[in-house]
């Protein structure tokens, strides 16, 4: 059975690129345009991993993540973050990784495989 990944980003091109890449790797992919949209979809279908942009309109991501208990989340960030900021963002128990944008496709696939098996 294929693993399900949710890609949450307010930039359509990033959502579609990541979706296409992960589907080619055999994953089932759900997309969401914001943290609020992701939370709504998450309640219906629990993905194995969520790749979530940190900066999006609507409810702050740091307020949404704790509600998604039991699901691994990896941040996608275009913003250069200091170690202190990273530590603060990684406080939620379900945060498992931090992926810097722009990311290398091979590196992204490698990280996803490591996180969901």
C-alpha atoms as a PDB file:
ATOM      1  CA  UNK A   1       0.000   0.000   0.000  1.00  0.00           C
ATOM      2  CA  UNK A   2       1.410   3.388  -0.921  1.00  0.00           C
ATOM      3  CA  UNK A   3       2.143   6.015   1.682  1.00  0.00           C
ATOM      4  CA  UNK A   4       0.223   9.296   1.598  1.00  0.00           C
ATOM      5  CA  UNK A   5       2.001  12.634   1.713  1.00  0.00           C
ATOM      6  CA  UNK A   6       0.261  15.985   2.176  1.00  0.00           C
ATOM      7  CA  UNK A   7       1.979  18.951   0.519  1.00  0.00           C
ATOM      8  CA  UNK A   8       0.962  22.292   2.033  1.00  0.00           C
ATOM      9  CA  UNK A   9       2.171  25.433   0.304  1.00  0.00           C
ATOM     10  CA  UNK A  10       0.485  28.648  -0.783  1.00  0.00           C
ATOM     11  CA  UNK A  11       2.565  28.654  -3.986  1.00  0.00           C
ATOM     12  CA  UNK A  12       0.855  26.546  -6.634  1.00  0.00           C
ATOM     13  CA  UNK A  13       4.023  25.800  -8.611  1.00  0.00           C
ATOM     14  CA  UNK A  14       5.742  24.345  -5.538  1.00  0.00           C
ATOM     15  CA  UNK A  15       2.672  22.262  -4.615  1.00  0.00           C
ATOM     16  CA  UNK A  16       2.407  20.867  -8.139  1.00  0.00           C
ATOM     17  CA  UNK A  17       6.141  20.204  -8.552  1.00  0.00           C
ATOM     18  CA  UNK A  18       6.410  18.326  -5.258  1.00  0.00           C
ATOM     19  CA  UNK A  19       3.165  16.440  -5.989  1.00  0.00           C
ATOM     20  CA  UNK A  20       4.428  15.329  -9.421  1.00  0.00           C
ATOM     21  CA  UNK A  21       7.829  14.257  -8.078  1.00  0.00           C
ATOM     22  CA  UNK A  22       6.344  12.271  -5.184  1.00  0.00           C
ATOM     23  CA  UNK A  23       3.676  10.622  -7.338  1.00  0.00           C
ATOM     24  CA  UNK A  24       6.434   9.431  -9.709  1.00  0.00           C
ATOM     25  CA  UNK A  25       8.023   7.820  -6.639  1.00  0.00           C
ATOM     26  CA  UNK A  26       4.783   5.940  -5.977  1.00  0.00           C
ATOM     27  CA  UNK A  27       3.353   8.076  -3.189  1.00  0.00           C
ATOM     28  CA  UNK A  28      -0.267   9.157  -2.965  1.00  0.00           C
ATOM     29  CA  UNK A  29      -0.304  12.973  -2.636  1.00  0.00           C
ATOM     30  CA  UNK A  30      -2.876  15.360  -1.165  1.00  0.00           C
ATOM     31  CA  UNK A  31      -2.331  19.115  -1.539  1.00  0.00           C
ATOM     32  CA  UNK A  32      -3.499  22.013   0.590  1.00  0.00           C
ATOM     33  CA  UNK A  33      -3.132  25.767   0.055  1.00  0.00           C
ATOM     34  CA  UNK A  34      -2.871  26.850   3.707  1.00  0.00           C
ATOM     35  CA  UNK A  35      -2.549  25.552   7.238  1.00  0.00           C
ATOM     36  CA  UNK A  36      -6.319  25.863   7.700  1.00  0.00           C
ATOM     37  CA  UNK A  37      -6.970  23.920   4.474  1.00  0.00           C
ATOM     38  CA  UNK A  38      -4.450  21.281   5.586  1.00  0.00           C
ATOM     39  CA  UNK A  39      -6.125  20.872   8.972  1.00  0.00           C
ATOM     40  CA  UNK A  40      -9.533  20.436   7.319  1.00  0.00           C
ATOM     41  CA  UNK A  41      -8.181  17.772   4.934  1.00  0.00           C
ATOM     42  CA  UNK A  42      -6.129  16.124   7.701  1.00  0.00           C
ATOM     43  CA  UNK A  43      -9.267  15.430   9.756  1.00  0.00           C
ATOM     44  CA  UNK A  44     -10.703  13.446   6.806  1.00  0.00           C
ATOM     45  CA  UNK A  45      -7.581  11.642   5.628  1.00  0.00           C
ATOM     46  CA  UNK A  46      -4.529  11.188   7.853  1.00  0.00           C
ATOM     47  CA  UNK A  47      -1.398  11.277   5.686  1.00  0.00           C
ATOM     48  CA  UNK A  48       1.811   9.478   6.676  1.00  0.00           C
ATOM     49  CA  UNK A  49       3.794  12.716   6.316  1.00  0.00           C
ATOM     50  CA  UNK A  50       3.009  16.404   5.865  1.00  0.00           C
ATOM     51  CA  UNK A  51       5.427  18.700   4.018  1.00  0.00           C
ATOM     52  CA  UNK A  52       4.406  22.178   5.152  1.00  0.00           C
ATOM     53  CA  UNK A  53       5.573  25.641   4.199  1.00  0.00           C
ATOM     54  CA  UNK A  54       6.251  27.759   7.285  1.00  0.00           C
ATOM     55  CA  UNK A  55       5.065  31.118   5.972  1.00  0.00           C
ATOM     56  CA  UNK A  56       1.482  31.119   4.670  1.00  0.00           C
ATOM     57  CA  UNK A  57      -1.555  33.347   4.972  1.00  0.00           C
ATOM     58  CA  UNK A  58      -4.223  32.472   7.543  1.00  0.00           C
ATOM     59  CA  UNK A  59      -3.698  30.806  10.910  1.00  0.00           C
ATOM     60  CA  UNK A  60       0.028  30.647  11.776  1.00  0.00           C
ATOM     61  CA  UNK A  61       1.490  27.226  10.984  1.00  0.00           C
ATOM     62  CA  UNK A  62       2.928  26.950  14.512  1.00  0.00           C
ATOM     63  CA  UNK A  63      -0.675  27.038  15.816  1.00  0.00           C
ATOM     64  CA  UNK A  64      -1.879  24.381  13.353  1.00  0.00           C
ATOM     65  CA  UNK A  65       0.881  21.761  13.760  1.00  0.00           C
ATOM     66  CA  UNK A  66       0.078  20.826  17.393  1.00  0.00           C
ATOM     67  CA  UNK A  67      -3.496  19.976  16.329  1.00  0.00           C
ATOM     68  CA  UNK A  68      -2.194  17.382  13.852  1.00  0.00           C
ATOM     69  CA  UNK A  69      -1.159  14.909  16.523  1.00  0.00           C
ATOM     70  CA  UNK A  70       0.255  11.593  15.457  1.00  0.00           C
ATOM     71  CA  UNK A  71       1.273  12.777  11.982  1.00  0.00           C
ATOM     72  CA  UNK A  72       4.905  13.502  11.078  1.00  0.00           C
ATOM     73  CA  UNK A  73       5.490  17.016   9.744  1.00  0.00           C
ATOM     74  CA  UNK A  74       8.513  18.330   7.862  1.00  0.00           C
ATOM     75  CA  UNK A  75       8.754  22.086   7.350  1.00  0.00           C
ATOM     76  CA  UNK A  76       9.507  23.527   3.934  1.00  0.00           C
ATOM     77  CA  UNK A  77      11.156  26.896   4.373  1.00  0.00           C
ATOM     78  CA  UNK A  78      12.471  29.460   1.963  1.00  0.00           C
ATOM     79  CA  UNK A  79      13.359  31.717   4.871  1.00  0.00           C
ATOM     80  CA  UNK A  80      16.856  31.363   6.257  1.00  0.00           C
ATOM     81  CA  UNK A  81      16.313  30.514   9.886  1.00  0.00           C
ATOM     82  CA  UNK A  82      18.715  30.830  12.764  1.00  0.00           C
ATOM     83  CA  UNK A  83      19.375  27.841  15.015  1.00  0.00           C
ATOM     84  CA  UNK A  84      17.317  29.502  17.781  1.00  0.00           C
ATOM     85  CA  UNK A  85      14.348  29.994  15.428  1.00  0.00           C
ATOM     86  CA  UNK A  86      14.701  26.409  14.197  1.00  0.00           C
ATOM     87  CA  UNK A  87      14.670  25.134  17.793  1.00  0.00           C
ATOM     88  CA  UNK A  88      11.489  27.121  18.469  1.00  0.00           C
ATOM     89  CA  UNK A  89       9.827  25.787  15.306  1.00  0.00           C
ATOM     90  CA  UNK A  90      10.853  22.210  16.118  1.00  0.00           C
ATOM     91  CA  UNK A  91       9.171  22.282  19.567  1.00  0.00           C
ATOM     92  CA  UNK A  92       6.084  20.354  18.441  1.00  0.00           C
ATOM     93  CA  UNK A  93       6.630  16.634  18.974  1.00  0.00           C
ATOM     94  CA  UNK A  94       5.459  15.736  15.468  1.00  0.00           C
ATOM     95  CA  UNK A  95       8.011  17.947  13.646  1.00  0.00           C
ATOM     96  CA  UNK A  96      10.545  15.540  12.151  1.00  0.00           C
ATOM     97  CA  UNK A  97      12.576  17.579   9.677  1.00  0.00           C
ATOM     98  CA  UNK A  98      13.344  20.972   8.198  1.00  0.00           C
ATOM     99  CA  UNK A  99      13.750  21.165   4.416  1.00  0.00           C
ATOM    100  CA  UNK A 100      15.245  24.358   2.988  1.00  0.00           C
ATOM    101  CA  UNK A 101      13.725  25.792  -0.227  1.00  0.00           C
ATOM    102  CA  UNK A 102      14.708  25.819  -2.990  1.00  0.00           C
ATOM    103  CA  UNK A 103      15.384  22.140  -2.517  1.00  0.00           C
ATOM    104  CA  UNK A 104      17.123  19.631  -4.687  1.00  0.00           C
ATOM    105  CA  UNK A 105      14.516  17.131  -5.962  1.00  0.00           C
ATOM    106  CA  UNK A 106      16.749  14.113  -5.276  1.00  0.00           C
ATOM    107  CA  UNK A 107      17.408  15.378  -1.756  1.00  0.00           C
ATOM    108  CA  UNK A 108      13.672  15.908  -1.148  1.00  0.00           C
ATOM    109  CA  UNK A 109      12.844  12.367  -2.329  1.00  0.00           C
ATOM    110  CA  UNK A 110      15.648  10.949  -0.164  1.00  0.00           C
ATOM    111  CA  UNK A 111      14.330  12.776   2.923  1.00  0.00           C
ATOM    112  CA  UNK A 112      10.725  11.706   2.273  1.00  0.00           C
ATOM    113  CA  UNK A 113      11.799   8.066   1.850  1.00  0.00           C
ATOM    114  CA  UNK A 114      13.742   8.277   5.104  1.00  0.00           C
ATOM    115  CA  UNK A 115      10.756   9.791   6.954  1.00  0.00           C
ATOM    116  CA  UNK A 116       7.983   7.471   5.717  1.00  0.00           C
ATOM    117  CA  UNK A 117       9.912   4.398   4.630  1.00  0.00           C
END
